[in-house]
């Protein structure tokens, strides 16, 4: 599994979540919600320090990661985070 985030997406997170250099964002599976790879689960995020990252990337001084315990959610696919200028929001691409 590979993970990537575009610079515009990282800048969006910095602005929207008031992040500072050195902060970390965890992506994880949560029960409930719509969309996603597995029925009944959706992707969530939180500002927290990594414990046992399975995949990680740093962009614009922010550490983005998925813990090893949440890798199952991506079902062997890659995880890309992009910014949509048209909608001024984040787009998750799992393929």
C-alpha atoms as a PDB file:
ATOM      1  CA  UNK A   1       0.000   0.000   0.000  1.00  0.00           C
ATOM      2  CA  UNK A   2       1.204   3.462  -0.892  1.00  0.00           C
ATOM      3  CA  UNK A   3      -0.020   6.757   0.497  1.00  0.00           C
ATOM      4  CA  UNK A   4       0.359  10.213  -1.046  1.00  0.00           C
ATOM      5  CA  UNK A   5      -0.950  13.711  -0.475  1.00  0.00           C
ATOM      6  CA  UNK A   6      -0.700  16.686  -2.796  1.00  0.00           C
ATOM      7  CA  UNK A   7       0.717  20.012  -1.597  1.00  0.00           C
ATOM      8  CA  UNK A   8      -2.646  21.770  -2.086  1.00  0.00           C
ATOM      9  CA  UNK A   9      -4.344  19.073   0.005  1.00  0.00           C
ATOM     10  CA  UNK A  10      -1.775  19.439   2.796  1.00  0.00           C
ATOM     11  CA  UNK A  11      -2.261  23.216   2.744  1.00  0.00           C
ATOM     12  CA  UNK A  12      -6.049  22.703   2.986  1.00  0.00           C
ATOM     13  CA  UNK A  13      -5.595  20.571   6.122  1.00  0.00           C
ATOM     14  CA  UNK A  14      -3.245  23.168   7.630  1.00  0.00           C
ATOM     15  CA  UNK A  15      -5.789  25.928   7.059  1.00  0.00           C
ATOM     16  CA  UNK A  16      -8.931  24.020   8.051  1.00  0.00           C
ATOM     17  CA  UNK A  17      -7.486  22.291  11.137  1.00  0.00           C
ATOM     18  CA  UNK A  18      -5.129  25.094  12.242  1.00  0.00           C
ATOM     19  CA  UNK A  19      -2.159  22.759  12.005  1.00  0.00           C
ATOM     20  CA  UNK A  20       1.404  23.713  12.768  1.00  0.00           C
ATOM     21  CA  UNK A  21       4.643  22.227  11.517  1.00  0.00           C
ATOM     22  CA  UNK A  22       5.253  18.904  13.259  1.00  0.00           C
ATOM     23  CA  UNK A  23       1.562  18.088  13.792  1.00  0.00           C
ATOM     24  CA  UNK A  24       0.272  14.671  12.717  1.00  0.00           C
ATOM     25  CA  UNK A  25      -3.018  13.533  11.176  1.00  0.00           C
ATOM     26  CA  UNK A  26      -4.186   9.933  11.482  1.00  0.00           C
ATOM     27  CA  UNK A  27      -6.642   8.405   8.995  1.00  0.00           C
ATOM     28  CA  UNK A  28      -8.605   5.449  10.319  1.00  0.00           C
ATOM     29  CA  UNK A  29     -11.650   3.277   9.726  1.00  0.00           C
ATOM     30  CA  UNK A  30     -14.734   4.072  11.743  1.00  0.00           C
ATOM     31  CA  UNK A  31     -17.934   2.130  11.993  1.00  0.00           C
ATOM     32  CA  UNK A  32     -20.808   3.880  10.256  1.00  0.00           C
ATOM     33  CA  UNK A  33     -21.110   6.470   7.581  1.00  0.00           C
ATOM     34  CA  UNK A  34     -21.330   6.193   3.826  1.00  0.00           C
ATOM     35  CA  UNK A  35     -18.917   5.339   1.057  1.00  0.00           C
ATOM     36  CA  UNK A  36     -15.564   3.829   1.516  1.00  0.00           C
ATOM     37  CA  UNK A  37     -14.094   0.456   0.727  1.00  0.00           C
ATOM     38  CA  UNK A  38     -16.104  -1.683   3.159  1.00  0.00           C
ATOM     39  CA  UNK A  39     -19.846  -1.503   3.657  1.00  0.00           C
ATOM     40  CA  UNK A  40     -20.719  -0.036   7.061  1.00  0.00           C
ATOM     41  CA  UNK A  41     -17.361   1.708   7.523  1.00  0.00           C
ATOM     42  CA  UNK A  42     -16.069   5.107   6.514  1.00  0.00           C
ATOM     43  CA  UNK A  43     -12.803   6.989   6.670  1.00  0.00           C
ATOM     44  CA  UNK A  44     -12.211   9.306   9.615  1.00  0.00           C
ATOM     45  CA  UNK A  45      -9.299  11.454  10.761  1.00  0.00           C
ATOM     46  CA  UNK A  46      -7.894  12.896  13.948  1.00  0.00           C
ATOM     47  CA  UNK A  47      -4.976  15.014  15.052  1.00  0.00           C
ATOM     48  CA  UNK A  48      -2.783  12.706  17.120  1.00  0.00           C
ATOM     49  CA  UNK A  49       0.710  11.304  17.324  1.00  0.00           C
ATOM     50  CA  UNK A  50       1.523   8.022  15.552  1.00  0.00           C
ATOM     51  CA  UNK A  51       1.791   4.857  17.596  1.00  0.00           C
ATOM     52  CA  UNK A  52       2.559   2.149  15.032  1.00  0.00           C
ATOM     53  CA  UNK A  53       2.162   3.641  11.544  1.00  0.00           C
ATOM     54  CA  UNK A  54       1.711   1.183   8.711  1.00  0.00           C
ATOM     55  CA  UNK A  55       2.029   3.837   6.025  1.00  0.00           C
ATOM     56  CA  UNK A  56       2.983   7.498   6.309  1.00  0.00           C
ATOM     57  CA  UNK A  57       3.930  10.587   4.372  1.00  0.00           C
ATOM     58  CA  UNK A  58       5.056  14.097   5.340  1.00  0.00           C
ATOM     59  CA  UNK A  59       4.027  17.139   3.321  1.00  0.00           C
ATOM     60  CA  UNK A  60       4.284  20.841   4.191  1.00  0.00           C
ATOM     61  CA  UNK A  61       5.712  19.844   7.603  1.00  0.00           C
ATOM     62  CA  UNK A  62       2.649  17.769   8.551  1.00  0.00           C
ATOM     63  CA  UNK A  63       2.851  14.022   9.147  1.00  0.00           C
ATOM     64  CA  UNK A  64      -0.077  12.075   7.626  1.00  0.00           C
ATOM     65  CA  UNK A  65      -0.410   8.400   8.492  1.00  0.00           C
ATOM     66  CA  UNK A  66      -2.497   5.248   8.812  1.00  0.00           C
ATOM     67  CA  UNK A  67      -1.809   2.971  11.772  1.00  0.00           C
ATOM     68  CA  UNK A  68      -0.903  -0.634  11.031  1.00  0.00           C
ATOM     69  CA  UNK A  69      -4.143  -1.693  12.754  1.00  0.00           C
ATOM     70  CA  UNK A  70      -6.206   0.249  10.144  1.00  0.00           C
ATOM     71  CA  UNK A  71      -4.443  -0.944   6.989  1.00  0.00           C
ATOM     72  CA  UNK A  72      -7.180  -3.595   6.492  1.00  0.00           C
ATOM     73  CA  UNK A  73      -9.635  -0.839   5.566  1.00  0.00           C
ATOM     74  CA  UNK A  74      -7.743  -0.088   2.351  1.00  0.00           C
ATOM     75  CA  UNK A  75      -7.911  -3.733   1.225  1.00  0.00           C
ATOM     76  CA  UNK A  76      -4.462  -3.724  -0.398  1.00  0.00           C
ATOM     77  CA  UNK A  77      -5.184  -0.573  -2.406  1.00  0.00           C
ATOM     78  CA  UNK A  78      -3.260   2.703  -2.508  1.00  0.00           C
ATOM     79  CA  UNK A  79      -4.503   5.804  -0.683  1.00  0.00           C
ATOM     80  CA  UNK A  80      -4.162   9.222  -2.328  1.00  0.00           C
ATOM     81  CA  UNK A  81      -5.363  12.527  -0.872  1.00  0.00           C
ATOM     82  CA  UNK A  82      -6.065  15.366  -3.282  1.00  0.00           C
ATOM     83  CA  UNK A  83      -7.607  18.818  -3.126  1.00  0.00           C
ATOM     84  CA  UNK A  84     -10.549  19.763  -5.359  1.00  0.00           C
ATOM     85  CA  UNK A  85     -10.342  23.434  -6.297  1.00  0.00           C
ATOM     86  CA  UNK A  86     -13.806  23.210  -7.847  1.00  0.00           C
ATOM     87  CA  UNK A  87     -15.438  22.187  -4.553  1.00  0.00           C
ATOM     88  CA  UNK A  88     -12.806  23.553  -2.120  1.00  0.00           C
ATOM     89  CA  UNK A  89     -12.628  20.211  -0.350  1.00  0.00           C
ATOM     90  CA  UNK A  90     -10.522  17.111   0.030  1.00  0.00           C
ATOM     91  CA  UNK A  91     -10.898  14.094  -2.224  1.00  0.00           C
ATOM     92  CA  UNK A  92      -9.814  10.628  -1.129  1.00  0.00           C
ATOM     93  CA  UNK A  93      -8.816   8.250  -3.912  1.00  0.00           C
ATOM     94  CA  UNK A  94      -8.473   4.601  -2.932  1.00  0.00           C
ATOM     95  CA  UNK A  95      -7.408   2.417  -5.855  1.00  0.00           C
END
